[in-house]
Amino acid sequence: MKATRTVLFEVRNAVAFLTLNRPEKRNALNDELVADLKTAIKAADNDDTVHCIVLRGAGADFCSGADLSALQKISQASVAENLSDAQLLAELFLLMRQVRVPVVAAVRGRALAGGCGLALACDLVLAESSARFGFPEVKLGFVPAMVMAILRRSASEKFAFELITTGREVSAEVAIRIGLVNHLLSTKDFDTEVENFAGRFQKLSRSALALSKSLFYSSEAMAFEEALAAGVDVNATARMTEDCRAGVARFLNKTAK
């Protein structure tokens, strides 16, 4: 896929780097960016050489949420138009969970409102030590509604409630403590550390990654017995893949020496 005006696209060492490219707007979300990002994610997932997707922002910030034109649009839209517009963002969040490879958010600067939701919709979040996270929607009389489905699965109930009802920003250190972030990275070596982390997936089986990710999210709402049954099915499926057979053969050959 070629880069677009709003999303840069590059594949390097089995990693697809998708860069939100509206630095002058703090990478604020609009219809064009959301549509281009969906296209880029699908293209990366359909590339069998890609084992990981990294989502990052150009310039100083990851994503500041909806831009002013988008806010003006929703304030004047009908109920039907607002439902359709909200559905587009929900589809993006869902797509990030449905693609077969891990999606990693590399957050530097601010990730706010829908931008914070975009980061949390990723499977893993890496944050620069000075990054900031928050949901300021309540200050505008708005609700971080779709993001709530993700936030409730990341932070504890008490912290999640505080974030959505106070609208305050939190530091990267607080974000990692409450479960929004996986790792804090240094400002100086941020890009290098992101690439090193994402590069770990290059040596891993793509089919195993896909099966693991699918089962991880699909079993979330299952009862214990149902989740075990689903695990049995995926276990058997994994055993039949070429990657598993080759991996077992390498292991047996190594131990036999």
C-alpha atoms as a PDB file:
ATOM      1  CA  MET A   1       0.000   0.000   0.000  1.00  0.00           C
ATOM      2  CA  LYS A   2       1.168   3.523  -0.755  1.00  0.00           C
ATOM      3  CA  ALA A   3       1.152   6.264   1.849  1.00  0.00           C
ATOM      4  CA  THR A   4      -1.840   8.602   1.833  1.00  0.00           C
ATOM      5  CA  ARG A   5      -2.129  12.210   2.880  1.00  0.00           C
ATOM      6  CA  THR A   6      -3.199  11.243   6.408  1.00  0.00           C
ATOM      7  CA  VAL A   7      -1.480   7.882   7.010  1.00  0.00           C
ATOM      8  CA  LEU A   8       2.116   6.977   6.164  1.00  0.00           C
ATOM      9  CA  PHE A   9       2.738   3.283   5.475  1.00  0.00           C
ATOM     10  CA  GLU A  10       6.038   1.445   5.660  1.00  0.00           C
ATOM     11  CA  VAL A  11       6.938  -2.238   6.099  1.00  0.00           C
ATOM     12  CA  ARG A  12      10.353  -2.960   7.576  1.00  0.00           C
ATOM     13  CA  ASN A  13      11.697  -6.152   9.157  1.00  0.00           C
ATOM     14  CA  ALA A  14       8.253  -7.796   9.275  1.00  0.00           C
ATOM     15  CA  VAL A  15       6.717  -4.731  10.958  1.00  0.00           C
ATOM     16  CA  ALA A  16       4.172  -2.418   9.315  1.00  0.00           C
ATOM     17  CA  PHE A  17       4.612   1.124  10.614  1.00  0.00           C
ATOM     18  CA  LEU A  18       1.436   3.194  10.252  1.00  0.00           C
ATOM     19  CA  THR A  19       1.960   6.849  11.066  1.00  0.00           C
ATOM     20  CA  LEU A  20      -0.911   9.283  11.610  1.00  0.00           C
ATOM     21  CA  ASN A  21       0.192  12.181   9.451  1.00  0.00           C
ATOM     22  CA  ARG A  22      -1.631  15.312  10.572  1.00  0.00           C
ATOM     23  CA  PRO A  23       1.039  16.789  12.863  1.00  0.00           C
ATOM     24  CA  GLU A  24      -0.250  20.332  12.344  1.00  0.00           C
ATOM     25  CA  LYS A  25      -3.569  19.173  13.856  1.00  0.00           C
ATOM     26  CA  ARG A  26      -1.917  16.993  16.536  1.00  0.00           C
ATOM     27  CA  ASN A  27      -3.043  14.035  14.401  1.00  0.00           C
ATOM     28  CA  ALA A  28      -6.678  14.759  15.216  1.00  0.00           C
ATOM     29  CA  LEU A  29      -9.205  12.282  13.860  1.00  0.00           C
ATOM     30  CA  ASN A  30     -11.404  13.105  10.897  1.00  0.00           C
ATOM     31  CA  ASP A  31     -13.301  11.004   8.356  1.00  0.00           C
ATOM     32  CA  GLU A  32     -10.360  10.862   5.948  1.00  0.00           C
ATOM     33  CA  LEU A  33      -7.862   9.711   8.547  1.00  0.00           C
ATOM     34  CA  VAL A  34     -10.205   7.061   9.971  1.00  0.00           C
ATOM     35  CA  ALA A  35     -10.911   5.696   6.472  1.00  0.00           C
ATOM     36  CA  ASP A  36      -7.227   5.704   5.492  1.00  0.00           C
ATOM     37  CA  LEU A  37      -6.252   4.013   8.737  1.00  0.00           C
ATOM     38  CA  LYS A  38      -8.760   1.218   8.150  1.00  0.00           C
ATOM     39  CA  THR A  39      -7.347   0.683   4.671  1.00  0.00           C
ATOM     40  CA  ALA A  40      -3.769   0.657   5.961  1.00  0.00           C
ATOM     41  CA  ILE A  41      -4.528  -1.822   8.755  1.00  0.00           C
ATOM     42  CA  LYS A  42      -6.249  -4.184   6.328  1.00  0.00           C
ATOM     43  CA  ALA A  43      -3.350  -3.925   3.886  1.00  0.00           C
ATOM     44  CA  ALA A  44      -0.840  -4.739   6.624  1.00  0.00           C
ATOM     45  CA  ASP A  45      -2.903  -7.690   7.821  1.00  0.00           C
ATOM     46  CA  ASN A  46      -3.154  -9.050   4.284  1.00  0.00           C
ATOM     47  CA  ASP A  47       0.631  -8.922   3.851  1.00  0.00           C
ATOM     48  CA  ASP A  48       1.884 -12.335   4.932  1.00  0.00           C
ATOM     49  CA  THR A  49       5.350 -10.915   5.608  1.00  0.00           C
ATOM     50  CA  VAL A  50       3.968  -8.638   8.343  1.00  0.00           C
ATOM     51  CA  HIS A  51       4.047 -10.043  11.889  1.00  0.00           C
ATOM     52  CA  CYS A  52       3.231  -6.829  13.767  1.00  0.00           C
ATOM     53  CA  ILE A  53       1.610  -3.437  13.173  1.00  0.00           C
ATOM     54  CA  VAL A  54       2.926  -0.320  14.927  1.00  0.00           C
ATOM     55  CA  LEU A  55       0.625   2.689  15.113  1.00  0.00           C
ATOM     56  CA  ARG A  56       2.273   6.016  15.866  1.00  0.00           C
ATOM     57  CA  GLY A  57       1.804   9.743  15.328  1.00  0.00           C
ATOM     58  CA  ALA A  58       3.853  12.224  13.355  1.00  0.00           C
ATOM     59  CA  GLY A  59       5.136  15.219  15.282  1.00  0.00           C
ATOM     60  CA  ALA A  60       4.847  15.832  19.002  1.00  0.00           C
ATOM     61  CA  ASP A  61       1.582  14.015  19.767  1.00  0.00           C
ATOM     62  CA  PHE A  62       0.040  10.612  19.158  1.00  0.00           C
ATOM     63  CA  CYS A  63      -3.549  11.799  18.610  1.00  0.00           C
ATOM     64  CA  SER A  64      -5.604  14.565  20.198  1.00  0.00           C
ATOM     65  CA  GLY A  65      -9.029  13.115  19.378  1.00  0.00           C
ATOM     66  CA  ALA A  66     -11.567  14.635  16.976  1.00  0.00           C
ATOM     67  CA  ASP A  67     -10.538  17.818  15.179  1.00  0.00           C
ATOM     68  CA  LEU A  68     -12.531  21.067  15.228  1.00  0.00           C
ATOM     69  CA  SER A  69     -14.237  20.426  11.890  1.00  0.00           C
ATOM     70  CA  ALA A  70     -15.398  17.028  13.137  1.00  0.00           C
ATOM     71  CA  LEU A  71     -16.769  18.605  16.319  1.00  0.00           C
ATOM     72  CA  GLN A  72     -18.604  21.227  14.274  1.00  0.00           C
ATOM     73  CA  LYS A  73     -20.009  18.500  12.065  1.00  0.00           C
ATOM     74  CA  ILE A  74     -21.448  16.429  14.908  1.00  0.00           C
ATOM     75  CA  SER A  75     -22.924  19.489  16.609  1.00  0.00           C
ATOM     76  CA  GLN A  76     -25.010  20.202  13.515  1.00  0.00           C
ATOM     77  CA  ALA A  77     -25.768  16.646  12.392  1.00  0.00           C
ATOM     78  CA  SER A  78     -29.007  14.725  12.744  1.00  0.00           C
ATOM     79  CA  VAL A  79     -29.382  11.677  14.996  1.00  0.00           C
ATOM     80  CA  ALA A  80     -29.035   9.346  12.012  1.00  0.00           C
ATOM     81  CA  GLU A  81     -25.923  11.162  10.774  1.00  0.00           C
ATOM     82  CA  ASN A  82     -24.310  11.062  14.214  1.00  0.00           C
ATOM     83  CA  LEU A  83     -25.077   7.349  14.557  1.00  0.00           C
ATOM     84  CA  SER A  84     -23.444   6.683  11.190  1.00  0.00           C
ATOM     85  CA  ASP A  85     -20.414   8.796  12.071  1.00  0.00           C
ATOM     86  CA  ALA A  86     -19.928   7.103  15.443  1.00  0.00           C
ATOM     87  CA  GLN A  87     -20.208   3.698  13.790  1.00  0.00           C
ATOM     88  CA  LEU A  88     -17.199   4.476  11.576  1.00  0.00           C
ATOM     89  CA  LEU A  89     -14.945   4.903  14.604  1.00  0.00           C
ATOM     90  CA  ALA A  90     -16.399   1.829  16.300  1.00  0.00           C
ATOM     91  CA  GLU A  91     -15.582  -0.176  13.173  1.00  0.00           C
ATOM     92  CA  LEU A  92     -11.959   0.994  13.380  1.00  0.00           C
ATOM     93  CA  PHE A  93     -11.652  -0.084  17.021  1.00  0.00           C
ATOM     94  CA  LEU A  94     -13.178  -3.468  16.204  1.00  0.00           C
ATOM     95  CA  LEU A  95     -10.939  -3.957  13.169  1.00  0.00           C
ATOM     96  CA  MET A  96      -7.841  -3.533  15.333  1.00  0.00           C
ATOM     97  CA  ARG A  97      -8.991  -6.468  17.446  1.00  0.00           C
ATOM     98  CA  GLN A  98      -9.953  -8.566  14.413  1.00  0.00           C
ATOM     99  CA  VAL A  99      -6.722  -8.385  12.410  1.00  0.00           C
ATOM    100  CA  ARG A 100      -4.505 -11.417  12.823  1.00  0.00           C
ATOM    101  CA  VAL A 101      -1.290  -9.754  13.948  1.00  0.00           C
ATOM    102  CA  PRO A 102      -0.587  -7.781  17.134  1.00  0.00           C
ATOM    103  CA  VAL A 103      -1.199  -4.034  16.877  1.00  0.00           C
ATOM    104  CA  VAL A 104       1.128  -1.906  19.003  1.00  0.00           C
ATOM    105  CA  ALA A 105       0.490   1.739  19.864  1.00  0.00           C
ATOM    106  CA  ALA A 106       3.657   3.836  20.177  1.00  0.00           C
ATOM    107  CA  VAL A 107       2.506   6.868  22.134  1.00  0.00           C
ATOM    108  CA  ARG A 108       4.537  10.008  22.507  1.00  0.00           C
ATOM    109  CA  GLY A 109       3.029  13.301  23.586  1.00  0.00           C
ATOM    110  CA  ARG A 110      -0.722  13.358  24.132  1.00  0.00           C
ATOM    111  CA  ALA A 111      -3.289  10.631  23.498  1.00  0.00           C
ATOM    112  CA  LEU A 112      -6.611  12.230  24.324  1.00  0.00           C
ATOM    113  CA  ALA A 113     -10.311  11.450  23.847  1.00  0.00           C
ATOM    114  CA  GLY A 114     -10.724   9.359  20.687  1.00  0.00           C
ATOM    115  CA  GLY A 115      -6.940   9.387  20.375  1.00  0.00           C
ATOM    116  CA  CYS A 116      -6.625   7.725  23.761  1.00  0.00           C
ATOM    117  CA  GLY A 117      -9.292   5.265  22.657  1.00  0.00           C
ATOM    118  CA  LEU A 118      -7.276   4.577  19.522  1.00  0.00           C
ATOM    119  CA  ALA A 119      -4.214   3.743  21.607  1.00  0.00           C
ATOM    120  CA  LEU A 120      -6.165   1.486  23.970  1.00  0.00           C
ATOM    121  CA  ALA A 121      -7.822  -0.298  21.038  1.00  0.00           C
ATOM    122  CA  CYS A 122      -4.361  -1.596  20.146  1.00  0.00           C
ATOM    123  CA  ASP A 123      -3.296  -4.905  21.647  1.00  0.00           C
ATOM    124  CA  LEU A 124      -0.235  -3.386  23.316  1.00  0.00           C
ATOM    125  CA  VAL A 125       0.688   0.162  24.305  1.00  0.00           C
ATOM    126  CA  LEU A 126       4.233   1.525  24.513  1.00  0.00           C
ATOM    127  CA  ALA A 127       4.532   5.037  25.895  1.00  0.00           C
ATOM    128  CA  GLU A 128       7.219   7.674  26.002  1.00  0.00           C
ATOM    129  CA  SER A 129       7.916   8.537  29.643  1.00  0.00           C
ATOM    130  CA  SER A 130       6.446  12.039  29.176  1.00  0.00           C
ATOM    131  CA  ALA A 131       3.259  10.891  27.383  1.00  0.00           C
ATOM    132  CA  ARG A 132      -0.177  11.960  28.620  1.00  0.00           C
ATOM    133  CA  PHE A 133      -3.493  10.098  28.481  1.00  0.00           C
ATOM    134  CA  GLY A 134      -7.047  11.221  29.116  1.00  0.00           C
ATOM    135  CA  PHE A 135     -10.702  11.450  28.196  1.00  0.00           C
ATOM    136  CA  PRO A 136     -11.713  15.142  28.410  1.00  0.00           C
ATOM    137  CA  GLU A 137     -15.061  14.601  26.643  1.00  0.00           C
ATOM    138  CA  VAL A 138     -17.113  15.254  29.781  1.00  0.00           C
ATOM    139  CA  LYS A 139     -15.791  18.833  29.824  1.00  0.00           C
ATOM    140  CA  LEU A 140     -17.591  19.389  26.493  1.00  0.00           C
ATOM    141  CA  GLY A 141     -20.794  17.706  27.603  1.00  0.00           C
ATOM    142  CA  PHE A 142     -19.787  14.672  25.571  1.00  0.00           C
ATOM    143  CA  VAL A 143     -19.276  11.012  26.513  1.00  0.00           C
ATOM    144  CA  PRO A 144     -16.337   8.687  25.670  1.00  0.00           C
ATOM    145  CA  ALA A 145     -18.963   6.086  24.888  1.00  0.00           C
ATOM    146  CA  MET A 146     -17.337   3.603  22.513  1.00  0.00           C
ATOM    147  CA  VAL A 147     -13.994   3.914  24.256  1.00  0.00           C
ATOM    148  CA  MET A 148     -15.643   2.811  27.489  1.00  0.00           C
ATOM    149  CA  ALA A 149     -15.905  -0.752  26.180  1.00  0.00           C
ATOM    150  CA  ILE A 150     -12.121  -0.797  25.857  1.00  0.00           C
ATOM    151  CA  LEU A 151     -11.314   1.179  29.004  1.00  0.00           C
ATOM    152  CA  ARG A 152     -13.376  -1.138  31.213  1.00  0.00           C
ATOM    153  CA  ARG A 153     -11.248  -4.025  29.943  1.00  0.00           C
ATOM    154  CA  SER A 154      -7.963  -2.244  30.632  1.00  0.00           C
ATOM    155  CA  ALA A 155      -8.259  -0.373  33.921  1.00  0.00           C
ATOM    156  CA  SER A 156     -10.006  -1.220  37.170  1.00  0.00           C
ATOM    157  CA  GLU A 157     -13.599  -0.072  37.561  1.00  0.00           C
ATOM    158  CA  LYS A 158     -12.667   2.717  39.980  1.00  0.00           C
ATOM    159  CA  PHE A 159      -9.871   4.174  37.863  1.00  0.00           C
ATOM    160  CA  ALA A 160     -11.926   3.870  34.663  1.00  0.00           C
ATOM    161  CA  PHE A 161     -14.846   5.699  36.264  1.00  0.00           C
ATOM    162  CA  GLU A 162     -12.562   8.459  37.490  1.00  0.00           C
ATOM    163  CA  LEU A 163     -11.036   8.977  34.059  1.00  0.00           C
ATOM    164  CA  ILE A 164     -14.347   9.280  32.218  1.00  0.00           C
ATOM    165  CA  THR A 165     -16.110  11.452  34.799  1.00  0.00           C
ATOM    166  CA  THR A 166     -13.344  13.910  35.723  1.00  0.00           C
ATOM    167  CA  GLY A 167     -11.808  14.340  32.278  1.00  0.00           C
ATOM    168  CA  ARG A 168      -8.346  14.739  33.774  1.00  0.00           C
ATOM    169  CA  GLU A 169      -5.149  13.775  32.026  1.00  0.00           C
ATOM    170  CA  VAL A 170      -2.803  11.258  33.605  1.00  0.00           C
ATOM    171  CA  SER A 171       0.906  10.763  33.148  1.00  0.00           C
ATOM    172  CA  ALA A 172       2.458   7.736  31.498  1.00  0.00           C
ATOM    173  CA  GLU A 173       3.583   6.562  34.939  1.00  0.00           C
ATOM    174  CA  VAL A 174      -0.006   6.588  36.212  1.00  0.00           C
ATOM    175  CA  ALA A 175      -1.225   5.011  32.972  1.00  0.00           C
ATOM    176  CA  ILE A 176       1.093   2.029  33.357  1.00  0.00           C
ATOM    177  CA  ARG A 177       0.134   1.644  37.016  1.00  0.00           C
ATOM    178  CA  ILE A 178      -3.598   1.427  36.223  1.00  0.00           C
ATOM    179  CA  GLY A 179      -3.182  -0.917  33.260  1.00  0.00           C
ATOM    180  CA  LEU A 180      -3.423   1.344  30.206  1.00  0.00           C
ATOM    181  CA  VAL A 181       0.230   0.960  29.168  1.00  0.00           C
ATOM    182  CA  ASN A 182       2.529  -2.058  28.868  1.00  0.00           C
ATOM    183  CA  HIS A 183       5.945  -0.387  28.920  1.00  0.00           C
ATOM    184  CA  LEU A 184       7.460   3.051  29.401  1.00  0.00           C
ATOM    185  CA  LEU A 185      10.266   3.952  26.996  1.00  0.00           C
ATOM    186  CA  SER A 186      12.888   6.653  27.187  1.00  0.00           C
ATOM    187  CA  THR A 187      12.420   9.822  25.179  1.00  0.00           C
ATOM    188  CA  LYS A 188      15.943   9.687  23.762  1.00  0.00           C
ATOM    189  CA  ASP A 189      15.717   6.134  22.392  1.00  0.00           C
ATOM    190  CA  PHE A 190      11.957   5.949  21.886  1.00  0.00           C
ATOM    191  CA  ASP A 191      11.897   5.036  18.182  1.00  0.00           C
ATOM    192  CA  THR A 192      14.675   2.489  18.541  1.00  0.00           C
ATOM    193  CA  GLU A 193      13.044   0.841  21.540  1.00  0.00           C
ATOM    194  CA  VAL A 194       9.698   0.682  19.729  1.00  0.00           C
ATOM    195  CA  GLU A 195      11.324  -1.022  16.744  1.00  0.00           C
ATOM    196  CA  ASN A 196      13.183  -3.463  18.989  1.00  0.00           C
ATOM    197  CA  PHE A 197       9.972  -4.388  20.799  1.00  0.00           C
ATOM    198  CA  ALA A 198       7.975  -4.840  17.594  1.00  0.00           C
ATOM    199  CA  GLY A 199      10.844  -6.784  16.064  1.00  0.00           C
ATOM    200  CA  ARG A 200      10.337  -9.559  18.610  1.00  0.00           C
ATOM    201  CA  PHE A 201       7.316 -10.724  16.625  1.00  0.00           C
ATOM    202  CA  GLN A 202       9.393 -11.253  13.465  1.00  0.00           C
ATOM    203  CA  LYS A 203      10.742 -14.572  14.725  1.00  0.00           C
ATOM    204  CA  LEU A 204       7.352 -15.833  15.897  1.00  0.00           C
ATOM    205  CA  SER A 205       4.853 -17.913  13.964  1.00  0.00           C
ATOM    206  CA  ARG A 206       2.262 -15.737  12.235  1.00  0.00           C
ATOM    207  CA  SER A 207      -0.345 -18.496  12.459  1.00  0.00           C
ATOM    208  CA  ALA A 208       0.310 -18.933  16.186  1.00  0.00           C
ATOM    209  CA  LEU A 209       0.015 -15.182  16.715  1.00  0.00           C
ATOM    210  CA  ALA A 210      -3.273 -15.117  14.812  1.00  0.00           C
ATOM    211  CA  LEU A 211      -4.769 -18.056  16.699  1.00  0.00           C
ATOM    212  CA  SER A 212      -3.600 -16.684  20.055  1.00  0.00           C
ATOM    213  CA  LYS A 213      -5.033 -13.232  19.405  1.00  0.00           C
ATOM    214  CA  SER A 214      -8.347 -14.573  18.161  1.00  0.00           C
ATOM    215  CA  LEU A 215      -8.824 -16.911  21.119  1.00  0.00           C
ATOM    216  CA  PHE A 216      -7.713 -14.268  23.620  1.00  0.00           C
ATOM    217  CA  TYR A 217     -10.470 -11.855  22.623  1.00  0.00           C
ATOM    218  CA  SER A 218     -13.196 -14.342  21.694  1.00  0.00           C
ATOM    219  CA  SER A 219     -12.934 -16.176  25.037  1.00  0.00           C
ATOM    220  CA  GLU A 220     -13.352 -12.955  27.015  1.00  0.00           C
ATOM    221  CA  ALA A 221     -17.118 -13.259  27.360  1.00  0.00           C
ATOM    222  CA  MET A 222     -17.189 -17.057  27.643  1.00  0.00           C
ATOM    223  CA  ALA A 223     -17.950 -19.084  30.738  1.00  0.00           C
ATOM    224  CA  PHE A 224     -14.988 -21.079  32.051  1.00  0.00           C
ATOM    225  CA  GLU A 225     -16.149 -24.386  30.582  1.00  0.00           C
ATOM    226  CA  GLU A 226     -16.886 -22.774  27.211  1.00  0.00           C
ATOM    227  CA  ALA A 227     -13.482 -21.074  27.188  1.00  0.00           C
ATOM    228  CA  LEU A 228     -11.752 -24.389  27.853  1.00  0.00           C
ATOM    229  CA  ALA A 229     -13.685 -26.002  24.998  1.00  0.00           C
ATOM    230  CA  ALA A 230     -12.670 -23.186  22.678  1.00  0.00           C
ATOM    231  CA  GLY A 231      -9.086 -23.698  23.816  1.00  0.00           C
ATOM    232  CA  VAL A 232      -9.275 -27.375  22.916  1.00  0.00           C
ATOM    233  CA  ASP A 233     -10.404 -26.481  19.389  1.00  0.00           C
ATOM    234  CA  VAL A 234      -7.649 -23.907  18.894  1.00  0.00           C
ATOM    235  CA  ASN A 235      -5.061 -26.259  20.395  1.00  0.00           C
ATOM    236  CA  ALA A 236      -5.972 -28.947  17.866  1.00  0.00           C
ATOM    237  CA  THR A 237      -6.000 -26.429  15.025  1.00  0.00           C
ATOM    238  CA  ALA A 238      -2.564 -25.114  15.981  1.00  0.00           C
ATOM    239  CA  ARG A 239      -1.118 -28.632  15.953  1.00  0.00           C
ATOM    240  CA  MET A 240      -2.122 -29.001  12.300  1.00  0.00           C
ATOM    241  CA  THR A 241      -0.424 -25.837  11.054  1.00  0.00           C
ATOM    242  CA  GLU A 242       2.802 -25.952   9.069  1.00  0.00           C
ATOM    243  CA  ASP A 243       4.454 -23.606  11.560  1.00  0.00           C
ATOM    244  CA  CYS A 244       3.717 -25.921  14.488  1.00  0.00           C
ATOM    245  CA  ARG A 245       4.860 -29.036  12.687  1.00  0.00           C
ATOM    246  CA  ALA A 246       8.074 -27.330  11.605  1.00  0.00           C
ATOM    247  CA  GLY A 247       8.632 -25.945  15.094  1.00  0.00           C
ATOM    248  CA  VAL A 248       8.137 -29.320  16.749  1.00  0.00           C
ATOM    249  CA  ALA A 249      10.473 -30.931  14.226  1.00  0.00           C
ATOM    250  CA  ARG A 250      13.177 -28.337  14.953  1.00  0.00           C
ATOM    251  CA  PHE A 251      12.756 -28.840  18.697  1.00  0.00           C
ATOM    252  CA  LEU A 252      12.941 -32.640  18.467  1.00  0.00           C
ATOM    253  CA  ASN A 253      15.948 -32.474  16.183  1.00  0.00           C
ATOM    254  CA  LYS A 254      17.703 -30.097  18.565  1.00  0.00           C
ATOM    255  CA  THR A 255      17.045 -32.248  21.640  1.00  0.00           C
ATOM    256  CA  ALA A 256      18.142 -35.384  19.817  1.00  0.00           C
ATOM    257  CA  LYS A 257      21.632 -34.036  19.283  1.00  0.00           C
END
